[in-house]
C-alpha atoms as a PDB file:
ATOM      1  CA  MET A   1      -0.009   0.115   0.072  1.00  0.00           C
ATOM      2  CA  GLY A   2       1.204   3.556  -0.806  1.00  0.00           C
ATOM      3  CA  SER A   3       1.933   5.919   1.821  1.00  0.00           C
ATOM      4  CA  LYS A   4      -0.317   9.297   2.473  1.00  0.00           C
ATOM      5  CA  GLY A   5       1.600  12.402   1.468  1.00  0.00           C
ATOM      6  CA  SER A   6       0.414  15.987   0.432  1.00  0.00           C
ATOM      7  CA  TRP A   7       1.676  17.984  -2.408  1.00  0.00           C
ATOM      8  CA  HIS A   8       1.518  21.641  -3.006  1.00  0.00           C
ATOM      9  CA  MET A   9       1.168  23.443  -6.347  1.00  0.00           C
ATOM     10  CA  ASN A  10       1.802  27.128  -7.033  1.00  0.00           C
ATOM     11  CA  LEU A  11      -0.955  28.681  -8.843  1.00  0.00           C
ATOM     12  CA  GLU A  12       0.050  32.389  -8.691  1.00  0.00           C
ATOM     13  CA  LYS A  13       0.844  32.526 -12.199  1.00  0.00           C
ATOM     14  CA  LEU A  14      -2.459  31.085 -13.318  1.00  0.00           C
ATOM     15  CA  VAL A  15      -4.303  33.106 -11.029  1.00  0.00           C
ATOM     16  CA  SER A  16      -2.465  36.317 -12.383  1.00  0.00           C
ATOM     17  CA  LEU A  17      -3.429  35.188 -16.009  1.00  0.00           C
ATOM     18  CA  LYS A  18      -6.756  34.786 -14.896  1.00  0.00           C
ATOM     19  CA  GLU A  19      -7.155  37.964 -13.565  1.00  0.00           C
ATOM     20  CA  SER A  20      -5.543  39.538 -16.321  1.00  0.00           C
ATOM     21  CA  LEU A  21      -8.000  37.755 -18.751  1.00  0.00           C
ATOM     22  CA  LYS A  22     -10.962  39.377 -17.070  1.00  0.00           C
ATOM     23  CA  HIS A  23      -9.710  42.659 -18.506  1.00  0.00           C
ATOM     24  CA  ARG A  24      -9.908  43.409 -22.465  1.00  0.00           C
ATOM     25  CA  PRO A  25      -6.627  44.877 -23.585  1.00  0.00           C
ATOM     26  CA  VAL A  26      -6.503  47.816 -25.973  1.00  0.00           C
ATOM     27  CA  VAL A  27      -3.138  48.769 -27.700  1.00  0.00           C
ATOM     28  CA  GLN A  28      -3.390  52.498 -28.444  1.00  0.00           C
ATOM     29  CA  VAL A  29      -1.018  53.915 -31.252  1.00  0.00           C
ATOM     30  CA  GLY A  30      -0.991  57.465 -32.197  1.00  0.00           C
ATOM     31  CA  VAL A  31       0.404  60.743 -30.635  1.00  0.00           C
ATOM     32  CA  PHE A  32      -0.603  61.415 -27.276  1.00  0.00           C
ATOM     33  CA  GLN A  33      -0.880  64.356 -24.917  1.00  0.00           C
ATOM     34  CA  LYS A  34       2.617  63.410 -23.103  1.00  0.00           C
ATOM     35  CA  LYS A  35       4.406  64.124 -26.784  1.00  0.00           C
ATOM     36  CA  ASP A  36       1.702  66.405 -28.146  1.00  0.00           C
ATOM     37  CA  ALA A  37       3.621  69.679 -27.907  1.00  0.00           C
ATOM     38  CA  ARG A  38       5.706  71.435 -31.036  1.00  0.00           C
ATOM     39  CA  LYS A  39       8.795  73.754 -30.337  1.00  0.00           C
ATOM     40  CA  GLU A  40       6.670  76.056 -32.863  1.00  0.00           C
ATOM     41  CA  LEU A  41       3.661  77.491 -31.066  1.00  0.00           C
ATOM     42  CA  GLY A  42       0.310  77.238 -32.747  1.00  0.00           C
ATOM     43  CA  MET A  43       0.192  73.526 -33.706  1.00  0.00           C
ATOM     44  CA  THR A  44       0.320  70.371 -32.091  1.00  0.00           C
ATOM     45  CA  ASN A  45       1.718  67.079 -32.884  1.00  0.00           C
ATOM     46  CA  ALA A  46      -1.925  65.534 -32.633  1.00  0.00           C
ATOM     47  CA  THR A  47      -3.500  68.206 -35.122  1.00  0.00           C
ATOM     48  CA  LEU A  48      -0.478  67.939 -37.643  1.00  0.00           C
ATOM     49  CA  ALA A  49      -0.852  64.050 -37.552  1.00  0.00           C
ATOM     50  CA  ALA A  50      -4.403  64.338 -38.407  1.00  0.00           C
ATOM     51  CA  ILE A  51      -4.267  66.828 -41.276  1.00  0.00           C
ATOM     52  CA  HIS A  52      -1.470  64.685 -42.728  1.00  0.00           C
ATOM     53  CA  GLU A  53      -3.313  61.399 -42.444  1.00  0.00           C
ATOM     54  CA  PHE A  54      -6.446  62.645 -43.732  1.00  0.00           C
ATOM     55  CA  GLY A  55      -5.071  65.559 -45.779  1.00  0.00           C
ATOM     56  CA  ALA A  56      -6.229  68.929 -46.252  1.00  0.00           C
ATOM     57  CA  PRO A  57      -7.127  69.464 -49.950  1.00  0.00           C
ATOM     58  CA  GLU A  58      -8.323  73.035 -49.051  1.00  0.00           C
ATOM     59  CA  HIS A  59      -4.753  73.697 -48.272  1.00  0.00           C
ATOM     60  CA  GLY A  60      -3.105  71.662 -51.106  1.00  0.00           C
ATOM     61  CA  LEU A  61      -1.783  69.210 -48.598  1.00  0.00           C
ATOM     62  CA  PRO A  62      -2.589  65.262 -49.870  1.00  0.00           C
ATOM     63  CA  ALA A  63      -3.276  62.382 -47.634  1.00  0.00           C
ATOM     64  CA  ARG A  64       0.072  60.991 -46.201  1.00  0.00           C
ATOM     65  CA  SER A  65      -1.105  57.862 -43.956  1.00  0.00           C
ATOM     66  CA  VAL A  66       1.206  57.391 -41.182  1.00  0.00           C
ATOM     67  CA  LEU A  67      -1.020  55.260 -38.984  1.00  0.00           C
ATOM     68  CA  ILE A  68      -4.060  53.681 -40.596  1.00  0.00           C
ATOM     69  CA  THR A  69      -2.783  52.882 -43.627  1.00  0.00           C
ATOM     70  CA  PRO A  70       0.639  51.480 -42.742  1.00  0.00           C
ATOM     71  CA  LEU A  71      -0.782  49.308 -40.005  1.00  0.00           C
ATOM     72  CA  LYS A  72      -3.772  47.920 -41.868  1.00  0.00           C
ATOM     73  CA  ASP A  73      -1.167  47.084 -44.614  1.00  0.00           C
ATOM     74  CA  HIS A  74       1.373  45.262 -42.483  1.00  0.00           C
ATOM     75  CA  ALA A  75      -1.029  43.896 -39.692  1.00  0.00           C
ATOM     76  CA  ALA A  76       0.206  40.152 -40.468  1.00  0.00           C
ATOM     77  CA  GLU A  77       3.669  41.428 -40.079  1.00  0.00           C
ATOM     78  CA  ILE A  78       3.125  43.010 -36.788  1.00  0.00           C
ATOM     79  CA  MET A  79       1.554  40.145 -35.297  1.00  0.00           C
ATOM     80  CA  ALA A  80       3.792  37.219 -37.024  1.00  0.00           C
ATOM     81  CA  PRO A  81       6.814  37.399 -34.531  1.00  0.00           C
ATOM     82  CA  LEU A  82       4.338  37.185 -31.498  1.00  0.00           C
ATOM     83  CA  LYS A  83       2.308  33.834 -32.861  1.00  0.00           C
ATOM     84  CA  ASP A  84       4.950  31.402 -31.342  1.00  0.00           C
ATOM     85  CA  LYS A  85       6.033  33.301 -28.375  1.00  0.00           C
ATOM     86  CA  ALA A  86       2.682  34.256 -27.207  1.00  0.00           C
ATOM     87  CA  GLU A  87       2.405  31.536 -24.571  1.00  0.00           C
ATOM     88  CA  LEU A  88       5.935  31.933 -22.971  1.00  0.00           C
ATOM     89  CA  ILE A  89       5.445  35.656 -22.926  1.00  0.00           C
ATOM     90  CA  VAL A  90       2.217  35.321 -20.723  1.00  0.00           C
ATOM     91  CA  LYS A  91       3.928  32.627 -18.812  1.00  0.00           C
ATOM     92  CA  ALA A  92       6.874  34.703 -17.923  1.00  0.00           C
ATOM     93  CA  THR A  93       5.368  37.962 -17.516  1.00  0.00           C
ATOM     94  CA  ASN A  94       1.663  38.866 -18.135  1.00  0.00           C
ATOM     95  CA  LEU A  95      -0.650  39.519 -20.750  1.00  0.00           C
ATOM     96  CA  LYS A  96       0.027  43.254 -20.708  1.00  0.00           C
ATOM     97  CA  SER A  97       3.588  42.838 -21.784  1.00  0.00           C
ATOM     98  CA  LEU A  98       2.240  40.485 -24.850  1.00  0.00           C
ATOM     99  CA  TRP A  99       0.156  43.443 -26.071  1.00  0.00           C
ATOM    100  CA  SER A 100       2.961  45.922 -25.259  1.00  0.00           C
ATOM    101  CA  LEU A 101       5.253  43.956 -27.893  1.00  0.00           C
ATOM    102  CA  VAL A 102       2.313  44.557 -30.438  1.00  0.00           C
ATOM    103  CA  GLY A 103       2.282  48.364 -29.670  1.00  0.00           C
ATOM    104  CA  ILE A 104       6.311  48.325 -30.377  1.00  0.00           C
ATOM    105  CA  ALA A 105       5.974  46.413 -33.563  1.00  0.00           C
ATOM    106  CA  CYS A 106       3.044  49.255 -34.371  1.00  0.00           C
ATOM    107  CA  GLU A 107       5.773  52.176 -33.524  1.00  0.00           C
ATOM    108  CA  LYS A 108       8.235  50.068 -35.947  1.00  0.00           C
ATOM    109  CA  VAL A 109       5.790  50.146 -38.787  1.00  0.00           C
ATOM    110  CA  ILE A 110       5.052  53.803 -38.220  1.00  0.00           C
ATOM    111  CA  ASP A 111       9.115  54.465 -38.329  1.00  0.00           C
ATOM    112  CA  GLN A 112       9.366  52.436 -41.527  1.00  0.00           C
ATOM    113  CA  ALA A 113       6.419  54.514 -42.901  1.00  0.00           C
ATOM    114  CA  PHE A 114       8.530  57.730 -42.608  1.00  0.00           C
ATOM    115  CA  GLN A 115      11.643  56.273 -43.616  1.00  0.00           C
ATOM    116  CA  THR A 116       9.975  55.005 -46.967  1.00  0.00           C
ATOM    117  CA  GLY A 117       7.378  57.926 -47.819  1.00  0.00           C
ATOM    118  CA  GLY A 118       4.368  55.591 -46.691  1.00  0.00           C
ATOM    119  CA  PHE A 119       5.801  52.649 -48.375  1.00  0.00           C
ATOM    120  CA  GLY A 120       6.205  54.285 -51.652  1.00  0.00           C
ATOM    121  CA  LYS A 121       2.191  55.584 -51.372  1.00  0.00           C
ATOM    122  CA  TRP A 122       2.833  59.118 -50.447  1.00  0.00           C
ATOM    123  CA  ALA A 123       2.436  62.088 -52.790  1.00  0.00           C
ATOM    124  CA  PRO A 124       5.792  63.598 -53.290  1.00  0.00           C
ATOM    125  CA  ASP A 125       6.517  67.393 -51.996  1.00  0.00           C
ATOM    126  CA  SER A 126       5.300  70.093 -54.298  1.00  0.00           C
ATOM    127  CA  PHE A 127       7.722  71.863 -56.188  1.00  0.00           C
ATOM    128  CA  LYS A 128       6.946  74.810 -53.928  1.00  0.00           C
ATOM    129  CA  THR A 129       7.573  72.771 -50.423  1.00  0.00           C
ATOM    130  CA  LEU A 130      10.809  71.255 -52.213  1.00  0.00           C
ATOM    131  CA  MET A 131      12.135  75.122 -52.814  1.00  0.00           C
ATOM    132  CA  LYS A 132      11.484  75.917 -49.074  1.00  0.00           C
ATOM    133  CA  LYS A 133      13.497  73.000 -48.012  1.00  0.00           C
ATOM    134  CA  LEU A 134      16.380  73.960 -50.386  1.00  0.00           C
ATOM    135  CA  ASN A 135      16.227  77.238 -48.456  1.00  0.00           C
ATOM    136  CA  LYS A 136      16.845  75.851 -45.058  1.00  0.00           C
ATOM    137  CA  GLY A 137      19.647  75.208 -42.971  1.00  0.00           C
ATOM    138  CA  LYS A 138      22.424  72.709 -44.529  1.00  0.00           C
ATOM    139  CA  ASN A 139      20.998  73.376 -48.099  1.00  0.00           C
ATOM    140  CA  ARG A 140      21.612  77.370 -48.037  1.00  0.00           C
ATOM    141  CA  ASN A 141      24.697  77.102 -49.640  1.00  0.00           C
ATOM    142  CA  VAL A 142      24.284  77.294 -53.582  1.00  0.00           C
ATOM    143  CA  HIS A 143      26.513  74.590 -54.280  1.00  0.00           C
ATOM    144  CA  ARG A 144      24.765  72.195 -52.274  1.00  0.00           C
ATOM    145  CA  ARG A 145      21.393  73.442 -53.278  1.00  0.00           C
ATOM    146  CA  ARG A 146      22.306  72.787 -56.729  1.00  0.00           C
ATOM    147  CA  LEU A 147      23.864  69.127 -56.019  1.00  0.00           C
ATOM    148  CA  THR A 148      20.544  68.466 -54.061  1.00  0.00           C
ATOM    149  CA  ILE A 149      18.122  69.459 -57.126  1.00  0.00           C
ATOM    150  CA  GLY A 150      20.139  67.525 -59.478  1.00  0.00           C
ATOM    151  CA  GLN A 151      19.652  64.364 -57.187  1.00  0.00           C
ATOM    152  CA  ILE A 152      16.164  65.185 -56.664  1.00  0.00           C
ATOM    153  CA  PHE A 153      15.640  65.325 -60.363  1.00  0.00           C
ATOM    154  CA  ALA A 154      17.401  61.984 -60.747  1.00  0.00           C
ATOM    155  CA  GLY A 155      15.523  60.369 -58.283  1.00  0.00           C
ATOM    156  CA  ASN A 156      18.162  59.611 -55.889  1.00  0.00           C
ATOM    157  CA  LEU A 157      16.562  62.095 -52.906  1.00  0.00           C
ATOM    158  CA  GLY A 158      13.109  62.765 -51.831  1.00  0.00           C
ATOM    159  CA  MET A 159      14.101  65.404 -49.290  1.00  0.00           C
ATOM    160  CA  GLY A 160      12.459  63.290 -46.665  1.00  0.00           C
ATOM    161  CA  ILE A 161       8.458  63.932 -46.737  1.00  0.00           C
ATOM    162  CA  LEU A 162       7.576  64.746 -43.251  1.00  0.00           C
ATOM    163  CA  GLU A 163      10.810  64.806 -41.677  1.00  0.00           C
ATOM    164  CA  ASP A 164      11.830  68.454 -41.623  1.00  0.00           C
ATOM    165  CA  THR A 165      12.221  68.783 -37.740  1.00  0.00           C
ATOM    166  CA  ASN A 166      11.073  64.731 -36.720  1.00  0.00           C
ATOM    167  CA  GLN A 167       9.085  66.295 -34.162  1.00  0.00           C
ATOM    168  CA  LEU A 168       6.046  64.662 -35.371  1.00  0.00           C
ATOM    169  CA  LYS A 169       7.935  60.901 -36.169  1.00  0.00           C
ATOM    170  CA  LYS A 170       9.264  61.097 -32.638  1.00  0.00           C
ATOM    171  CA  ALA A 171       5.704  62.023 -31.248  1.00  0.00           C
ATOM    172  CA  TYR A 172       4.032  58.535 -32.335  1.00  0.00           C
ATOM    173  CA  THR A 173       3.891  56.003 -29.405  1.00  0.00           C
ATOM    174  CA  SER A 174       1.734  53.133 -28.291  1.00  0.00           C
ATOM    175  CA  ARG A 175       0.411  52.201 -24.862  1.00  0.00           C
ATOM    176  CA  VAL A 176      -1.559  49.288 -23.780  1.00  0.00           C
ATOM    177  CA  ARG A 177      -4.818  49.858 -21.694  1.00  0.00           C
ATOM    178  CA  MET A 178      -6.661  47.166 -20.084  1.00  0.00           C
ATOM    179  CA  GLU A 179     -10.305  47.952 -20.084  1.00  0.00           C
ATOM    180  CA  PHE A 180     -12.763  46.674 -17.486  1.00  0.00           C
END
């Protein structure tokens, strides 16, 4: 006959997972109040982001989606790395950590959108805008300006659409909220 004994099982992580599953996680990506201020007065990063996201035809500004289109187009890419790791991440930490990784992946796609001109979907800068950019900062030198114009017309330089000061690019971030 077997001996009677006792055993103990630590269920803390299971209880923690059960508690976190009661709340629906929401990944928010965009420009939040913390990074909304701009160096120039008169406009916030959130306002500027909305103008570029949807365009302002009355001011001659085409839509250049930084958020909606890139995230929609790259949704599978954003979620792919988490497929095999989700269980491990949840076991090691909690559900919020898993969704934080999704937010970080979204931020990377947004950064790539800035680097690639919306993955090639953004309208190019107008000639007037290009000329304004050429008269700023390091392009004030006449020789450098001529070289830059040559590069633009050769298709080798795009003058960084939406990257004049990088304030807008740096304003995009993500956060995870657990809704009750």
